Amino acid sequence: MQPELESTKAIAKSSQPTDAKWFEYLIRVQPHHTDYSGTVWHGSYIIWMEEARVECLRSLGVNFADLVALGCDLPVVELTVRYHRSMQMGMEAVVKTRMSSIEGVRINWDYCIQSLDEQEIYVTAQVTLVTVDREKGKIMRQLPPSVKDALIRLSV
């Protein structure tokens, strides 16, 4: 058994999900997600988190392709990841995500990647996005109405 690392202040707020507001996205580790030893490459977890966030928004009626067509993008401006335990090829897990807050133009999301039986936590993370006008390359001071309405539904 590996020793548990102490929690850092940057990710202390992230613990195992306990409430019903989490969106769940199932994944299975494929060979291309791993390194030569069959262990998941660290960047694969980030890809799964983005997929979960995009699917969460889609489930609320906000399709990322529509945002792009409107000239809007949601780039990551901050990312904090805590790797608790590595995953191996063939394993299944659930990526849980939720919008934790909107602070001005910053949209904060929490993540927990864990075993299907919720007994093992593999990764916890926080991601901060901002809304950017793709044409001007500048931060939008207001969210597009459809995005704002969907995010409000997420926080209820």
Protein backbone atom coordinates (compact mmCIF):
# COMPACT_ATOMS: atom_id res chain seq x y z
CA MET A 1 0.00 0.00 0.00
CA GLN A 2 1.34 3.41 -0.99
CA PRO A 3 1.49 6.19 1.62
CA GLU A 4 -1.06 8.99 1.18
CA LEU A 5 0.41 12.40 0.42
CA GLU A 6 -0.76 15.34 2.45
CA SER A 7 -3.35 17.52 0.74
CA THR A 8 -2.14 20.85 -0.61
CA LYS A 9 -4.06 24.06 -0.05
CA ALA A 10 -4.53 24.45 -3.82
CA ILE A 11 -6.64 21.31 -4.01
CA ALA A 12 -7.81 20.90 -0.43
CA LYS A 13 -11.41 21.69 -1.39
CA SER A 14 -11.51 18.67 -3.66
CA SER A 15 -12.55 15.52 -1.89
CA GLN A 16 -14.60 12.52 -2.86
CA PRO A 17 -17.92 13.64 -4.35
CA THR A 18 -20.81 13.35 -1.92
CA ASP A 19 -23.72 15.27 -3.41
CA ALA A 20 -25.98 14.71 -6.40
CA LYS A 21 -24.83 17.68 -8.50
CA TRP A 22 -21.98 15.81 -10.16
CA PHE A 23 -22.15 14.90 -13.85
CA GLU A 24 -20.77 11.40 -14.47
CA TYR A 25 -18.81 10.36 -17.55
CA LEU A 26 -17.68 6.74 -17.89
CA ILE A 27 -14.27 5.89 -19.34
CA ARG A 28 -12.27 2.77 -20.13
CA VAL A 29 -8.47 2.90 -20.39
CA GLN A 30 -7.45 2.05 -23.96
CA PRO A 31 -3.89 1.23 -25.09
CA HIS A 32 -3.40 4.72 -26.57
CA HIS A 33 -4.07 6.25 -23.11
CA THR A 34 -1.04 4.50 -21.62
CA ASP A 35 2.73 4.49 -21.69
CA TYR A 36 4.85 1.46 -22.64
CA SER A 37 4.12 -0.23 -19.27
CA GLY A 38 0.32 -0.02 -19.57
CA THR A 39 0.07 2.78 -16.99
CA VAL A 40 -2.17 5.73 -17.91
CA TRP A 41 -0.17 8.68 -19.23
CA HIS A 42 -0.78 11.75 -17.03
CA GLY A 43 -2.25 13.81 -19.88
CA SER A 44 -4.99 11.24 -20.52
CA TYR A 45 -6.68 12.23 -17.26
CA ILE A 46 -6.85 15.85 -18.44
CA ILE A 47 -8.35 14.77 -21.77
CA TRP A 48 -11.03 12.77 -19.92
CA MET A 49 -11.81 15.76 -17.70
CA GLU A 50 -12.33 17.98 -20.74
CA GLU A 51 -14.52 15.35 -22.40
CA ALA A 52 -16.62 15.14 -19.23
CA ARG A 53 -16.99 18.94 -19.05
CA VAL A 54 -18.00 19.19 -22.72
CA GLU A 55 -20.54 16.36 -22.28
CA CYS A 56 -21.89 17.97 -19.11
CA LEU A 57 -22.52 21.22 -20.99
CA ARG A 58 -24.01 19.29 -23.93
CA SER A 59 -26.42 17.58 -21.55
CA LEU A 60 -27.67 21.06 -20.64
CA GLY A 61 -28.12 22.10 -24.26
CA VAL A 62 -24.80 23.92 -24.70
CA ASN A 63 -22.90 22.33 -27.59
CA PHE A 64 -19.27 23.37 -27.81
CA ALA A 65 -19.47 23.55 -31.62
CA ASP A 66 -22.30 26.08 -31.24
CA LEU A 67 -20.15 28.20 -28.92
CA VAL A 68 -17.36 28.21 -31.48
CA ALA A 69 -19.85 29.17 -34.22
CA LEU A 70 -20.95 32.09 -32.01
CA GLY A 71 -17.32 33.22 -31.82
CA CYS A 72 -16.90 32.09 -28.21
CA ASP A 73 -14.22 29.89 -26.67
CA LEU A 74 -13.65 28.63 -23.11
CA PRO A 75 -9.88 28.23 -22.69
CA VAL A 76 -8.34 26.82 -19.54
CA VAL A 77 -6.46 29.52 -17.62
CA GLU A 78 -5.68 27.51 -14.50
CA LEU A 79 -5.35 23.79 -13.83
CA THR A 80 -4.55 21.99 -10.57
CA VAL A 81 -4.31 18.21 -10.63
CA ARG A 82 -3.65 15.76 -7.80
CA TYR A 83 -2.71 12.25 -8.92
CA HIS A 84 -3.73 9.87 -6.12
CA ARG A 85 -3.30 6.49 -7.79
CA SER A 86 -2.43 5.44 -11.33
CA MET A 87 -4.77 3.53 -13.58
CA GLN A 88 -3.85 0.63 -15.86
CA MET A 89 -4.89 -0.45 -19.35
CA GLY A 90 -8.36 -2.01 -19.43
CA MET A 91 -9.61 -0.40 -16.22
CA GLU A 92 -12.96 1.39 -16.10
CA ALA A 93 -13.65 4.52 -14.09
CA VAL A 94 -16.04 7.42 -13.78
CA VAL A 95 -15.07 11.05 -14.27
CA LYS A 96 -17.25 13.21 -12.03
CA THR A 97 -17.42 16.91 -12.80
CA ARG A 98 -19.36 19.92 -11.62
CA MET A 99 -19.17 23.65 -11.96
CA SER A 100 -18.15 24.83 -8.51
CA SER A 101 -18.47 28.61 -8.99
CA ILE A 102 -18.50 31.58 -11.30
CA GLU A 103 -16.28 34.41 -10.11
CA GLY A 104 -16.64 37.32 -12.49
CA VAL A 105 -15.37 35.99 -15.82
CA ARG A 106 -13.82 32.88 -14.23
CA ILE A 107 -15.76 29.60 -14.39
CA ASN A 108 -14.43 27.02 -11.93
CA TRP A 109 -14.94 23.25 -12.29
CA ASP A 110 -14.16 20.40 -9.92
CA TYR A 111 -13.27 16.84 -10.96
CA CYS A 112 -12.89 13.45 -9.36
CA ILE A 113 -11.84 10.38 -11.34
CA GLN A 114 -12.64 7.28 -9.36
CA SER A 115 -13.39 3.59 -9.59
CA LEU A 116 -16.93 2.57 -10.53
CA ASP A 117 -17.51 1.29 -6.98
CA GLU A 118 -16.21 4.63 -5.59
CA GLN A 119 -13.61 2.80 -3.47
CA GLU A 120 -10.54 4.22 -5.24
CA ILE A 121 -9.80 7.83 -6.16
CA TYR A 122 -7.34 8.20 -9.02
CA VAL A 123 -7.35 11.95 -9.65
CA THR A 124 -8.89 15.10 -8.20
CA ALA A 125 -8.59 18.41 -10.01
CA GLN A 126 -9.82 21.94 -10.47
CA VAL A 127 -9.96 23.82 -13.75
CA THR A 128 -10.67 27.50 -14.31
CA LEU A 129 -12.01 28.68 -17.67
CA VAL A 130 -12.71 32.13 -19.05
CA THR A 131 -14.96 33.08 -21.95
CA VAL A 132 -12.99 34.52 -24.86
CA ASP A 133 -14.22 36.30 -28.00
CA ARG A 134 -12.47 34.25 -30.70
CA GLU A 135 -12.45 37.08 -33.25
CA LYS A 136 -11.04 39.76 -30.94
CA GLY A 137 -8.95 37.40 -28.83
CA LYS A 138 -10.17 39.14 -25.68
CA ILE A 139 -11.98 37.99 -22.59
CA MET A 140 -15.74 38.49 -22.85
CA ARG A 141 -17.12 40.48 -19.96
CA GLN A 142 -20.48 38.70 -20.21
CA LEU A 143 -21.32 35.11 -20.98
CA PRO A 144 -23.52 34.41 -24.01
CA PRO A 145 -27.12 34.13 -22.69
CA SER A 146 -27.47 30.42 -23.57
CA VAL A 147 -24.25 29.60 -21.69
CA LYS A 148 -25.20 31.73 -18.70
CA ASP A 149 -28.64 30.07 -18.48
CA ALA A 150 -27.10 26.58 -18.65
CA LEU A 151 -24.54 27.39 -15.98
CA ILE A 152 -27.27 28.74 -13.73
CA ARG A 153 -29.06 25.38 -14.14
CA LEU A 154 -25.84 23.65 -13.11
CA SER A 155 -25.56 25.64 -9.90
CA VAL A 156 -29.16 25.03 -8.78
